Amino acid sequence: MKLGTAIAEIMRREGIEILCGYPVNHLIEHAAKAEIRPVMVRQERVGVHMADAISRVTSGRTIGAFCMQHGPGAENAMGGVAQCFGESVPVLVLPMGYQRRLAHIEPNFNSSEAMKPFAKSSEPIILAAEVANIFRRAFTKLKNGRGGPVIVEIPADMWNEEVPEPLNYTPVLRTRYGADPVHVREAAALLAGAKRPVIYAGQGVHYAQAWPQLKRLAERLAIPVTTSLGGKSSFPETHPLSLGSGGLAVPRAVPKFLAEADVIFGIGCSFTETSFGIAMPKGKAIIHSTLDPNHLNKDVEARIGLVGDAGLVLDALLEEIGKTVTADRDASAVAAEIAASHEEWLAKWMPKLTSNDAPLNPYRVLWDLQHTVDIDNTIITHDAGSPRDQLSPFWKAVEPLSYLGWGKTTQLGYGLGLAMGAKLAKPDKLCINVWGDAAIGFTGMDFETAVRERIPIMSILLNNFSMAIELKVMPISTEKYRSTDISGDYAAMARAFGGYGERVTKPEDIIPAIKRGIQKTREGVPVLLEFITSKETEVSRPGT
């Protein structure tokens, strides 16, 4: 069989049903013949973002895939690949490449070399007979260990090459590994004996699907739980032991309880130091459970390291703790302390969350959104900047993988592709992206992709006609040259593309517009609701 037919068959056997892409890449045709749906985007970065979400919302059980043209197509995709690398998301990236005789001649862009620094692995196909071995290596890396993009480059002169039949390919194994039992015993004793422990849960809990074990551990030892943005929704945020998520903006309880903790247990996290995550206080006893041993002592000093799958680690900890703690500890005192902190914090923010001002306060828009949608049946994501910081502290995620949080690298325009990919993978969910007028300038044309490809997402746009975050750092250029001013009628743009677009300016119209938008998505129509907002810059930072 021809090389393209073999690659498509391997993908089909590995359970890939959707190939995001942009032509010319001949794999698109071969995939379509194999009943793999091609979804064409308007720019390559958004296509990688869509594949990214497919992997995220399935805990990596379905691998998102993206293909693109050699040269400029691959160059355009690099930002999306780097985002997957920064967020540890397993995505199969399949660029065309220059003909083998030209692949290493400058200035030709060589994807397998150029993307290697921010990929889990990168390999070109240079012999058709090796295709099964190459994809066996690729999918093994995608399905095991810490996630990340995997590059398989297909040179343009390979498509007519013959692959020996029958195709020798069986879907690769998925395996897990657990922590050293000695260290498990040490961690169990330290946690059980701690006076003020806190659990910090990362997205490794999502990939391990270890949500029940996390909840059992918290309840057994009455331990408060916070999460990274990537780990948000791994623990129900309506639970009495939930502190909320820790990003650049946080509920007051998160820094308070971390500062007062004697032991911090990081599970399924990297503890990567970032401006968009909660900083770990110094001088704490830290138990670090991570899938990647390279993360141990990378940014924080760990007293105990538990290297392994978050589910296996939590299972082992629960078994060990159960030998001495045979019933759930009384959580009433710590739950009351958490509730009091939340109540005091929310009291400060309620004037913004319930503001009747016009232009609208963005906090009011997101507060009304949260109280209008069916939270249990919604997947929401944010964009970089204000949408992230205005949404993440206040949105209470309940169901696992209902919130796609991110932030180690913060590309504007990321959320639209995530929402579309989530909707492709979970068509029964209401999938929402929240972005600002800066982000829509980066990827807004791909709202047309949602219309054309019949992906009925709901896009919430907060439009303040300004780069509001930058106002404080660009006062002179703003005053003299209006450098932070941006504008557009984005609801009209959505309608021009064939979607449903509505502009909202009055607080009493917020909820009715959201309800109309939800109904339109049920009818199969992508929705963009444009809320005209104030230049709100205050966020819930630690200490506020």
Protein backbone atom coordinates (compact mmCIF):
# COMPACT_ATOMS: atom_id res chain seq x y z
CA MET A 1 0.00 0.00 0.00
CA LYS A 2 1.03 3.64 -0.48
CA LEU A 3 2.64 5.46 2.44
CA GLY A 4 -0.33 7.78 3.01
CA THR A 5 -2.74 4.87 3.13
CA ALA A 6 -0.53 3.14 5.69
CA ILE A 7 -0.29 6.23 7.91
CA ALA A 8 -4.05 6.75 7.83
CA GLU A 9 -4.64 3.10 8.68
CA ILE A 10 -2.24 3.33 11.64
CA MET A 11 -4.05 6.42 12.88
CA ARG A 12 -7.41 4.68 12.51
CA ARG A 13 -6.17 1.66 14.46
CA GLU A 14 -4.97 4.02 17.20
CA GLY A 15 -8.48 5.43 17.56
CA ILE A 16 -8.01 8.78 15.82
CA GLU A 17 -11.32 9.87 14.27
CA ILE A 18 -10.53 13.54 13.56
CA LEU A 19 -7.53 15.04 11.75
CA CYS A 20 -7.25 18.81 12.09
CA GLY A 21 -5.25 20.35 9.31
CA TYR A 22 -4.52 22.83 6.59
CA PRO A 23 -3.51 21.95 3.02
CA VAL A 24 -1.46 21.06 1.18
CA ASN A 25 -0.74 17.87 3.06
CA HIS A 26 -1.68 14.71 1.17
CA LEU A 27 -2.47 12.91 4.41
CA ILE A 28 -5.78 14.81 4.47
CA GLU A 29 -7.05 12.83 1.47
CA HIS A 30 -5.75 9.51 2.75
CA ALA A 31 -7.39 10.16 6.13
CA ALA A 32 -10.73 10.97 4.51
CA LYS A 33 -10.60 7.69 2.59
CA ALA A 34 -10.03 5.91 5.91
CA GLU A 35 -13.15 7.57 7.43
CA ILE A 36 -11.09 9.95 9.54
CA ARG A 37 -12.83 13.34 9.44
CA PRO A 38 -10.60 16.19 8.23
CA VAL A 39 -11.32 19.54 9.93
CA MET A 40 -9.78 22.45 8.05
CA VAL A 41 -8.84 25.64 9.88
CA ARG A 42 -8.01 29.17 8.73
CA GLN A 43 -4.54 29.15 10.28
CA GLU A 44 -2.29 26.38 11.48
CA ARG A 45 -1.84 27.43 15.10
CA VAL A 46 -5.59 27.15 15.74
CA GLY A 47 -5.60 23.64 14.28
CA VAL A 48 -2.94 22.53 16.75
CA HIS A 49 -5.01 24.10 19.53
CA MET A 50 -8.04 22.06 18.44
CA ALA A 51 -6.02 18.84 18.48
CA ASP A 52 -4.67 19.90 21.88
CA ALA A 53 -8.21 20.08 23.32
CA ILE A 54 -9.17 16.67 21.90
CA SER A 55 -6.34 15.14 23.90
CA ARG A 56 -7.13 17.18 27.03
CA VAL A 57 -10.85 16.46 27.35
CA THR A 58 -10.29 12.72 26.86
CA SER A 59 -7.39 12.52 29.35
CA GLY A 60 -5.18 11.55 26.43
CA ARG A 61 -7.27 8.44 25.71
CA THR A 62 -7.91 9.91 22.27
CA ILE A 63 -4.88 11.60 20.75
CA GLY A 64 -5.43 14.86 18.92
CA ALA A 65 -3.71 15.05 15.53
CA PHE A 66 -2.80 17.90 13.20
CA CYS A 67 -1.18 18.01 9.75
CA MET A 68 0.02 20.90 7.62
CA GLN A 69 2.02 21.98 4.59
CA HIS A 70 5.81 21.94 4.58
CA GLY A 71 7.66 25.24 4.85
CA PRO A 72 5.33 28.13 5.75
CA GLY A 73 2.54 25.88 7.05
CA ALA A 74 4.90 24.23 9.48
CA GLU A 75 6.36 27.59 10.44
CA ASN A 76 2.89 28.94 11.25
CA ALA A 77 2.13 25.90 13.43
CA MET A 78 5.15 26.29 15.69
CA GLY A 79 3.37 28.44 18.26
CA GLY A 80 0.69 25.81 18.78
CA VAL A 81 3.29 23.06 19.11
CA ALA A 82 5.20 25.13 21.67
CA GLN A 83 1.96 25.64 23.61
CA CYS A 84 1.44 21.85 23.77
CA PHE A 85 5.00 21.45 25.00
CA GLY A 86 4.59 24.10 27.70
CA GLU A 87 1.32 22.56 28.86
CA SER A 88 2.46 18.90 28.52
CA VAL A 89 -0.32 17.93 26.10
CA PRO A 90 0.12 14.81 23.92
CA VAL A 91 -0.57 15.78 20.29
CA LEU A 92 0.52 14.05 17.08
CA VAL A 93 1.90 16.67 14.66
CA LEU A 94 2.33 15.56 11.04
CA PRO A 95 4.02 18.19 8.88
CA MET A 96 4.88 17.66 5.26
CA GLY A 97 8.58 18.09 4.64
CA TYR A 98 10.76 19.14 1.76
CA GLN A 99 11.94 16.39 -0.55
CA ARG A 100 14.62 14.32 1.09
CA ARG A 101 17.33 15.68 -1.20
CA LEU A 102 16.43 19.24 -0.11
CA ALA A 103 15.45 18.68 3.52
CA HIS A 104 18.77 19.73 5.02
CA ILE A 105 19.65 22.54 2.63
CA GLU A 106 19.22 26.08 3.94
CA PRO A 107 16.96 28.05 4.01
CA ASN A 108 14.44 25.19 3.71
CA PHE A 109 12.46 24.74 6.93
CA ASN A 110 13.05 21.32 8.43
CA SER A 111 10.24 20.59 10.92
CA SER A 112 11.78 17.56 12.57
CA GLU A 113 14.89 19.61 13.39
CA ALA A 114 13.27 22.97 14.10
CA MET A 115 10.58 21.61 16.43
CA LYS A 116 12.82 19.17 18.30
CA PRO A 117 13.59 21.60 21.18
CA PHE A 118 9.90 21.82 22.09
CA ALA A 119 8.70 18.32 21.26
CA LYS A 120 8.74 15.07 23.18
CA SER A 121 10.22 13.44 20.09
CA SER A 122 10.75 14.39 16.46
CA GLU A 123 11.44 12.06 13.55
CA PRO A 124 11.17 12.18 9.75
CA ILE A 125 10.04 9.25 7.61
CA ILE A 126 12.87 8.48 5.22
CA LEU A 127 12.08 4.81 4.48
CA ALA A 128 8.53 3.65 3.79
CA ALA A 129 9.30 0.21 5.18
CA GLU A 130 9.98 1.84 8.57
CA VAL A 131 6.61 3.60 8.89
CA ALA A 132 5.17 1.10 11.38
CA ASN A 133 8.24 1.34 13.60
CA ILE A 134 8.25 5.14 13.45
CA PHE A 135 4.60 5.40 14.47
CA ARG A 136 5.06 2.69 17.09
CA ARG A 137 7.68 4.92 18.71
CA ALA A 138 5.52 8.03 18.26
CA PHE A 139 2.35 6.62 19.81
CA THR A 140 4.28 4.98 22.65
CA LYS A 141 5.58 8.41 23.60
CA LEU A 142 2.13 9.94 23.19
CA LYS A 143 0.40 7.34 25.38
CA ASN A 144 3.00 6.95 28.12
CA GLY A 145 4.77 9.24 30.56
CA ARG A 146 4.41 13.02 30.71
CA GLY A 147 2.56 14.42 27.73
CA GLY A 148 3.96 16.51 24.93
CA PRO A 149 3.79 16.95 21.17
CA VAL A 150 5.35 14.29 18.95
CA ILE A 151 6.50 15.22 15.45
CA VAL A 152 6.48 12.83 12.50
CA GLU A 153 7.59 14.65 9.35
CA ILE A 154 6.56 13.26 5.96
CA PRO A 155 8.85 14.34 3.10
CA ALA A 156 7.04 15.44 -0.06
CA ASP A 157 8.70 12.74 -2.19
CA MET A 158 7.52 9.88 0.04
CA TRP A 159 3.84 9.66 -0.90
CA ASN A 160 4.27 7.23 -3.79
CA GLU A 161 6.54 4.94 -1.81
CA GLU A 162 5.18 1.45 -1.11
CA VAL A 163 4.77 0.03 2.40
CA PRO A 164 5.08 -3.76 2.61
CA GLU A 165 1.81 -5.61 3.14
CA PRO A 166 0.23 -6.79 5.29
CA LEU A 167 0.73 -3.71 7.45
CA ASN A 168 2.42 -4.88 10.63
CA TYR A 169 0.94 -2.51 13.20
CA THR A 170 -0.91 -3.14 16.44
CA PRO A 171 -2.02 -0.26 18.68
CA VAL A 172 0.72 0.36 21.21
CA LEU A 173 0.48 -0.38 24.89
CA ARG A 174 -0.46 2.14 27.52
CA THR A 175 1.26 1.47 30.82
CA ARG A 176 1.70 3.19 34.17
CA TYR A 177 4.38 3.25 36.84
CA GLY A 178 4.17 3.96 40.54
CA ALA A 179 6.29 5.37 43.33
CA ASP A 180 8.84 3.62 45.54
CA PRO A 181 6.92 1.94 48.41
CA VAL A 182 9.48 3.26 50.91
CA HIS A 183 8.73 6.81 49.86
CA VAL A 184 4.99 6.12 49.89
CA ARG A 185 5.25 5.07 53.54
CA GLU A 186 7.25 8.20 54.37
CA ALA A 187 4.74 10.43 52.59
CA ALA A 188 1.77 8.73 54.27
CA ALA A 189 3.30 9.23 57.72
CA LEU A 190 4.14 12.88 57.00
CA LEU A 191 0.64 13.63 55.69
CA ALA A 192 -1.15 11.77 58.46
CA GLY A 193 0.90 13.58 61.11
CA ALA A 194 0.70 17.07 59.58
CA LYS A 195 -1.09 19.81 61.51
CA ARG A 196 -1.96 22.07 58.54
CA PRO A 197 -1.52 20.06 55.31
CA VAL A 198 -2.63 21.33 51.89
CA ILE A 199 -3.02 19.36 48.65
CA TYR A 200 -1.96 21.08 45.42
CA ALA A 201 -3.40 19.15 42.46
CA GLY A 202 -2.14 19.53 38.89
CA GLN A 203 -3.31 18.29 35.52
CA GLY A 204 -1.61 14.94 36.07
CA VAL A 205 -4.73 14.06 38.08
CA HIS A 206 -6.78 14.61 34.90
CA TYR A 207 -4.57 12.42 32.72
CA ALA A 208 -4.59 9.67 35.36
CA GLN A 209 -8.36 10.13 35.82
CA ALA A 210 -7.58 9.99 39.53
CA TRP A 211 -10.40 12.28 40.63
CA PRO A 212 -12.07 9.78 43.03
CA GLN A 213 -8.78 8.99 44.77
CA LEU A 214 -7.97 12.68 45.22
CA LYS A 215 -11.36 13.26 46.81
CA ARG A 216 -10.98 10.22 49.08
CA LEU A 217 -7.57 11.35 50.30
CA ALA A 218 -8.79 14.86 51.05
CA GLU A 219 -11.81 13.55 52.97
CA ARG A 220 -9.90 10.84 54.82
CA LEU A 221 -7.39 13.30 56.30
CA ALA A 222 -9.56 16.46 56.14
CA ILE A 223 -7.03 18.22 53.90
CA PRO A 224 -7.87 21.43 52.03
CA VAL A 225 -7.31 21.21 48.27
CA THR A 226 -6.15 23.80 45.78
CA THR A 227 -5.28 23.22 42.13
CA SER A 228 -3.16 24.71 39.40
CA LEU A 229 -5.04 26.22 36.47
CA GLY A 230 -4.30 23.03 34.52
CA GLY A 231 -5.59 20.95 37.42
CA LYS A 232 -8.74 23.01 37.94
CA SER A 233 -11.87 20.78 38.01
CA SER A 234 -9.86 17.79 39.31
CA PHE A 235 -11.50 18.47 42.70
CA PRO A 236 -15.08 19.79 42.94
CA GLU A 237 -14.87 23.47 43.87
CA THR A 238 -18.21 23.33 45.66
CA HIS A 239 -16.68 20.84 48.13
CA PRO A 240 -16.22 22.17 51.70
CA LEU A 241 -12.49 21.38 51.48
CA SER A 242 -11.94 23.26 48.20
CA LEU A 243 -9.77 26.37 48.36
CA GLY A 244 -10.19 27.10 44.64
CA SER A 245 -7.57 27.26 41.92
CA GLY A 246 -4.27 29.06 41.97
CA GLY A 247 -3.27 31.16 38.98
CA LEU A 248 -2.17 34.77 38.70
CA ALA A 249 -5.56 35.59 40.23
CA VAL A 250 -6.67 33.49 43.20
CA PRO A 251 -9.36 33.20 45.86
CA ARG A 252 -8.02 34.59 49.13
CA ALA A 253 -8.13 31.15 50.76
CA VAL A 254 -5.43 29.75 48.45
CA PRO A 255 -2.45 31.88 49.55
CA LYS A 256 -3.75 31.97 53.12
CA PHE A 257 -3.80 28.20 53.58
CA LEU A 258 -0.56 27.64 51.68
CA ALA A 259 1.20 30.24 53.84
CA GLU A 260 -0.05 28.55 57.02
CA ALA A 261 0.64 24.99 55.83
CA ASP A 262 3.27 22.79 57.43
CA VAL A 263 3.10 20.17 54.63
CA ILE A 264 2.21 20.73 50.96
CA PHE A 265 1.44 17.66 48.87
CA GLY A 266 1.76 18.33 45.15
CA ILE A 267 0.06 15.59 43.13
CA GLY A 268 0.24 15.38 39.34
CA CYS A 269 2.02 18.72 39.10
CA SER A 270 5.39 20.08 38.03
CA PHE A 271 5.58 22.98 40.52
CA THR A 272 6.89 25.00 37.57
CA GLU A 273 7.58 28.59 38.58
CA THR A 274 5.42 30.86 36.45
CA SER A 275 3.81 34.28 36.71
CA PHE A 276 0.52 32.54 35.94
CA GLY A 277 0.56 30.08 38.81
CA ILE A 278 0.52 30.27 42.59
CA ALA A 279 3.96 30.70 44.15
CA MET A 280 4.79 28.08 46.75
CA PRO A 281 5.81 29.64 50.07
CA LYS A 282 9.34 28.95 51.31
CA GLY A 283 10.22 26.73 54.21
CA LYS A 284 7.46 24.14 53.81
CA ALA A 285 7.81 20.37 53.84
CA ILE A 286 6.89 19.43 50.27
CA ILE A 287 5.88 16.02 49.01
CA HIS A 288 6.14 16.09 45.24
CA SER A 289 4.33 13.46 43.19
CA THR A 290 5.04 13.81 39.48
CA LEU A 291 5.13 11.62 36.40
CA ASP A 292 8.43 13.14 35.31
CA PRO A 293 11.48 12.72 37.58
CA ASN A 294 13.08 15.72 35.84
CA HIS A 295 10.57 17.91 37.67
CA LEU A 296 11.81 16.92 41.12
CA ASN A 297 13.72 19.81 42.73
CA LYS A 298 13.37 21.81 39.50
CA ASP A 299 11.64 24.81 41.06
CA VAL A 300 10.88 23.79 44.64
CA GLU A 301 12.83 21.67 47.10
CA ALA A 302 11.07 18.37 47.76
CA ARG A 303 11.44 16.47 51.02
CA ILE A 304 9.86 13.35 49.50
CA GLY A 305 9.57 12.49 45.81
CA LEU A 306 6.87 10.15 44.50
CA VAL A 307 7.55 9.47 40.84
CA GLY A 308 4.63 7.89 39.05
CA ASP A 309 1.10 8.02 37.76
CA ALA A 310 -1.11 10.15 40.00
CA GLY A 311 -3.72 7.39 40.28
CA LEU A 312 -1.22 4.73 41.33
CA VAL A 313 0.42 7.11 43.80
CA LEU A 314 -2.91 8.05 45.38
CA ASP A 315 -3.99 4.39 45.53
CA ALA A 316 -0.78 3.48 47.33
CA LEU A 317 -1.05 6.43 49.72
CA LEU A 318 -4.66 5.63 50.57
CA GLU A 319 -3.78 2.01 51.29
CA GLU A 320 -0.87 3.00 53.52
CA ILE A 321 -2.81 5.71 55.35
CA GLY A 322 -5.71 3.31 55.83
CA LYS A 323 -3.53 1.13 58.06
CA THR A 324 -3.53 3.79 60.76
CA VAL A 325 -6.38 6.16 59.87
CA THR A 326 -9.41 3.93 59.53
CA ALA A 327 -12.17 6.55 59.28
CA ASP A 328 -12.55 10.01 57.82
CA ARG A 329 -11.26 12.72 60.10
CA ASP A 330 -13.59 15.44 61.27
CA ALA A 331 -13.34 18.21 58.65
CA SER A 332 -15.86 20.57 60.23
CA ALA A 333 -13.32 22.98 61.75
CA VAL A 334 -11.17 23.37 58.65
CA ALA A 335 -14.26 23.50 56.41
CA ALA A 336 -15.66 26.33 58.55
CA GLU A 337 -12.35 28.17 58.26
CA ILE A 338 -12.38 27.78 54.47
CA ALA A 339 -16.00 28.92 54.26
CA ALA A 340 -15.26 32.01 56.36
CA SER A 341 -12.32 32.92 54.12
CA HIS A 342 -14.43 32.49 50.97
CA GLU A 343 -17.26 34.53 52.45
CA GLU A 344 -15.00 37.41 53.45
CA TRP A 345 -13.29 37.39 50.03
CA LEU A 346 -16.51 37.25 48.04
CA ALA A 347 -17.98 40.10 50.07
CA LYS A 348 -15.23 42.34 48.74
CA TRP A 349 -15.84 41.27 45.14
CA MET A 350 -19.64 41.19 45.12
CA PRO A 351 -19.96 44.85 44.04
CA LYS A 352 -18.10 43.97 40.84
CA LEU A 353 -19.69 40.54 40.38
CA THR A 354 -23.17 42.04 40.63
CA SER A 355 -22.45 45.50 39.21
CA ASN A 356 -25.26 47.28 37.36
CA ASP A 357 -22.87 49.63 35.59
CA ALA A 358 -22.77 50.26 31.87
CA PRO A 359 -20.37 49.74 30.18
CA LEU A 360 -20.67 46.31 31.76
CA ASN A 361 -18.25 45.12 34.38
CA PRO A 362 -16.66 41.91 32.99
CA TYR A 363 -17.00 40.29 36.40
CA ARG A 364 -20.77 40.73 36.20
CA VAL A 365 -20.84 39.09 32.75
CA LEU A 366 -18.91 36.03 33.96
CA TRP A 367 -20.89 35.81 37.23
CA ASP A 368 -24.16 35.77 35.30
CA LEU A 369 -22.72 33.25 32.83
CA GLN A 370 -21.80 30.87 35.66
CA HIS A 371 -25.28 31.10 37.11
CA THR A 372 -27.07 30.61 33.78
CA VAL A 373 -25.38 27.63 32.15
CA ASP A 374 -25.69 24.02 33.27
CA ILE A 375 -22.30 23.80 34.99
CA ASP A 376 -22.27 20.00 34.99
CA ASN A 377 -22.70 19.89 31.21
CA THR A 378 -20.35 22.75 30.32
CA ILE A 379 -16.69 22.85 29.29
CA ILE A 380 -15.20 26.32 29.56
CA THR A 381 -11.80 27.77 28.80
CA HIS A 382 -10.29 31.23 28.98
CA ASP A 383 -7.87 33.24 26.93
CA ALA A 384 -4.71 34.94 28.15
CA GLY A 385 -4.75 38.09 30.24
CA SER A 386 -7.91 39.55 31.71
CA PRO A 387 -10.30 36.73 30.67
CA ARG A 388 -8.12 34.22 32.52
CA ASP A 389 -7.76 36.36 35.64
CA GLN A 390 -11.40 37.45 35.77
CA LEU A 391 -12.76 33.92 35.24
CA SER A 392 -10.50 31.48 37.07
CA PRO A 393 -10.93 32.56 40.73
CA PHE A 394 -14.73 32.80 40.64
CA TRP A 395 -15.83 30.00 38.30
CA LYS A 396 -16.57 26.93 40.42
CA ALA A 397 -15.79 23.85 38.36
CA VAL A 398 -17.52 20.72 39.59
CA GLU A 399 -17.16 17.98 36.98
CA PRO A 400 -13.70 16.73 35.94
CA LEU A 401 -12.36 18.25 32.71
CA SER A 402 -15.12 20.86 32.65
CA TYR A 403 -12.53 23.65 32.81
CA LEU A 404 -9.57 23.75 30.42
CA GLY A 405 -7.10 25.87 32.33
CA TRP A 406 -3.63 26.82 31.15
CA GLY A 407 -1.01 29.44 31.73
CA LYS A 408 2.63 28.38 31.67
CA THR A 409 2.83 29.95 28.22
CA THR A 410 0.06 32.38 27.36
CA GLN A 411 -0.65 32.80 23.66
CA LEU A 412 -3.46 35.18 22.83
CA GLY A 413 -6.18 33.47 20.83
CA TYR A 414 -5.62 29.97 22.28
CA GLY A 415 -9.10 29.58 23.78
CA LEU A 416 -11.07 29.52 20.50
CA GLY A 417 -9.27 26.43 19.21
CA LEU A 418 -9.58 24.75 22.60
CA ALA A 419 -13.35 25.29 22.64
CA MET A 420 -13.74 23.94 19.10
CA GLY A 421 -11.60 20.89 19.82
CA ALA A 422 -13.52 20.22 23.03
CA LYS A 423 -16.81 20.38 21.12
CA LEU A 424 -15.52 17.95 18.49
CA ALA A 425 -14.51 15.47 21.19
CA LYS A 426 -17.52 16.07 23.46
CA PRO A 427 -20.42 17.09 21.18
CA ASP A 428 -23.03 16.82 23.94
CA LYS A 429 -21.32 19.49 26.07
CA LEU A 430 -21.83 23.25 25.91
CA CYS A 431 -18.31 24.39 25.04
CA ILE A 432 -17.41 28.00 25.81
CA ASN A 433 -14.35 30.15 25.26
CA VAL A 434 -13.95 33.47 27.04
CA TRP A 435 -11.68 35.97 25.33
CA GLY A 436 -11.03 39.67 24.96
CA ASP A 437 -10.79 42.06 22.05
CA ALA A 438 -7.03 41.56 21.90
CA ALA A 439 -7.28 37.78 21.59
CA ILE A 440 -9.95 37.86 18.89
CA GLY A 441 -7.54 39.93 16.81
CA PHE A 442 -5.18 36.95 16.73
CA THR A 443 -7.51 34.08 15.85
CA GLY A 444 -10.96 35.58 15.24
CA MET A 445 -11.04 34.51 11.58
CA ASP A 446 -11.28 30.93 12.78
CA PHE A 447 -14.78 31.59 14.07
CA GLU A 448 -15.59 30.94 10.42
CA THR A 449 -14.12 27.46 10.93
CA ALA A 450 -16.71 26.81 13.64
CA VAL A 451 -19.46 27.79 11.19
CA ARG A 452 -18.10 25.91 8.17
CA GLU A 453 -17.19 22.77 10.10
CA ARG A 454 -20.48 22.78 12.06
CA ILE A 455 -18.90 23.16 15.52
CA PRO A 456 -21.54 24.96 17.64
CA ILE A 457 -19.46 26.54 20.39
CA MET A 458 -20.44 29.60 22.44
CA SER A 459 -17.82 32.35 22.36
CA ILE A 460 -17.99 35.00 25.10
CA LEU A 461 -16.18 38.17 24.05
CA LEU A 462 -15.35 40.88 26.59
CA ASN A 463 -14.82 43.99 24.50
CA ASN A 464 -13.47 47.11 26.20
CA PHE A 465 -11.92 48.59 23.04
CA SER A 466 -8.54 48.58 24.73
CA MET A 467 -5.50 46.60 25.78
CA ALA A 468 -6.56 47.31 29.36
CA ILE A 469 -3.80 45.38 31.16
CA GLU A 470 -1.20 47.35 29.22
CA LEU A 471 -2.60 50.77 30.16
CA LYS A 472 -0.43 50.99 33.27
CA VAL A 473 2.76 50.03 31.43
CA MET A 474 2.13 52.08 28.27
CA PRO A 475 0.88 55.47 29.54
CA ILE A 476 2.98 57.67 27.24
CA SER A 477 2.35 55.72 24.04
CA THR A 478 -1.34 55.59 24.91
CA GLU A 479 -1.62 59.31 25.58
CA LYS A 480 0.44 60.41 22.58
CA TYR A 481 -0.42 57.75 20.00
CA ARG A 482 -3.39 55.76 21.39
CA SER A 483 -1.24 52.64 21.13
CA THR A 484 -3.49 50.56 23.38
CA ASP A 485 -6.72 51.34 21.51
CA ILE A 486 -8.30 48.50 19.54
CA SER A 487 -11.80 48.18 18.14
CA GLY A 488 -14.25 46.19 16.08
CA ASP A 489 -17.87 45.09 15.76
CA TYR A 490 -17.27 41.43 16.43
CA ALA A 491 -20.92 40.38 16.72
CA ALA A 492 -21.38 41.68 13.17
CA MET A 493 -18.31 39.67 12.14
CA ALA A 494 -19.87 36.51 13.57
CA ARG A 495 -23.06 37.13 11.63
CA ALA A 496 -21.09 37.80 8.45
CA PHE A 497 -19.47 34.39 8.85
CA GLY A 498 -22.89 32.73 9.16
CA GLY A 499 -22.94 32.32 12.93
CA TYR A 500 -25.09 33.94 15.58
CA GLY A 501 -23.73 37.26 16.82
CA GLU A 502 -25.21 39.54 19.44
CA ARG A 503 -23.84 42.68 21.10
CA VAL A 504 -24.89 43.30 24.71
CA THR A 505 -24.55 46.68 26.45
CA LYS A 506 -27.04 46.58 29.36
CA PRO A 507 -26.73 44.45 32.53
CA GLU A 508 -30.37 43.34 32.37
CA ASP A 509 -29.72 41.88 28.90
CA ILE A 510 -26.79 39.64 29.93
CA ILE A 511 -28.74 36.55 31.03
CA PRO A 512 -31.36 36.69 28.22
CA ALA A 513 -28.54 36.91 25.65
CA ILE A 514 -26.75 33.92 27.20
CA LYS A 515 -29.98 31.90 27.09
CA ARG A 516 -30.50 32.81 23.44
CA GLY A 517 -26.92 31.80 22.73
CA ILE A 518 -27.33 28.42 24.43
CA GLN A 519 -30.44 27.73 22.38
CA LYS A 520 -28.63 28.59 19.16
CA THR A 521 -25.82 26.13 19.97
CA ARG A 522 -28.48 23.45 20.50
CA GLU A 523 -29.69 24.24 17.00
CA GLY A 524 -26.16 23.63 15.68
CA VAL A 525 -25.18 27.30 15.23
CA PRO A 526 -21.88 28.72 16.58
CA VAL A 527 -22.48 31.75 18.80
CA LEU A 528 -20.48 34.88 19.56
CA LEU A 529 -21.84 37.09 22.33
CA GLU A 530 -20.05 40.42 22.48
CA PHE A 531 -20.30 42.22 25.81
CA ILE A 532 -19.24 45.86 25.84
CA THR A 533 -17.31 46.22 29.09
CA SER A 534 -15.38 48.72 31.15
CA LYS A 535 -11.58 48.84 31.24
CA GLU A 536 -11.49 46.72 34.40
CA THR A 537 -7.94 45.99 35.57
CA GLU A 538 -8.35 44.87 39.20
CA VAL A 539 -7.76 41.16 39.81
CA SER A 540 -7.85 38.99 42.91
CA ARG A 541 -4.16 38.70 43.66
CA PRO A 542 -2.65 37.21 46.83
CA GLY A 543 -3.00 39.67 49.66
CA THR A 544 -6.09 41.38 48.24
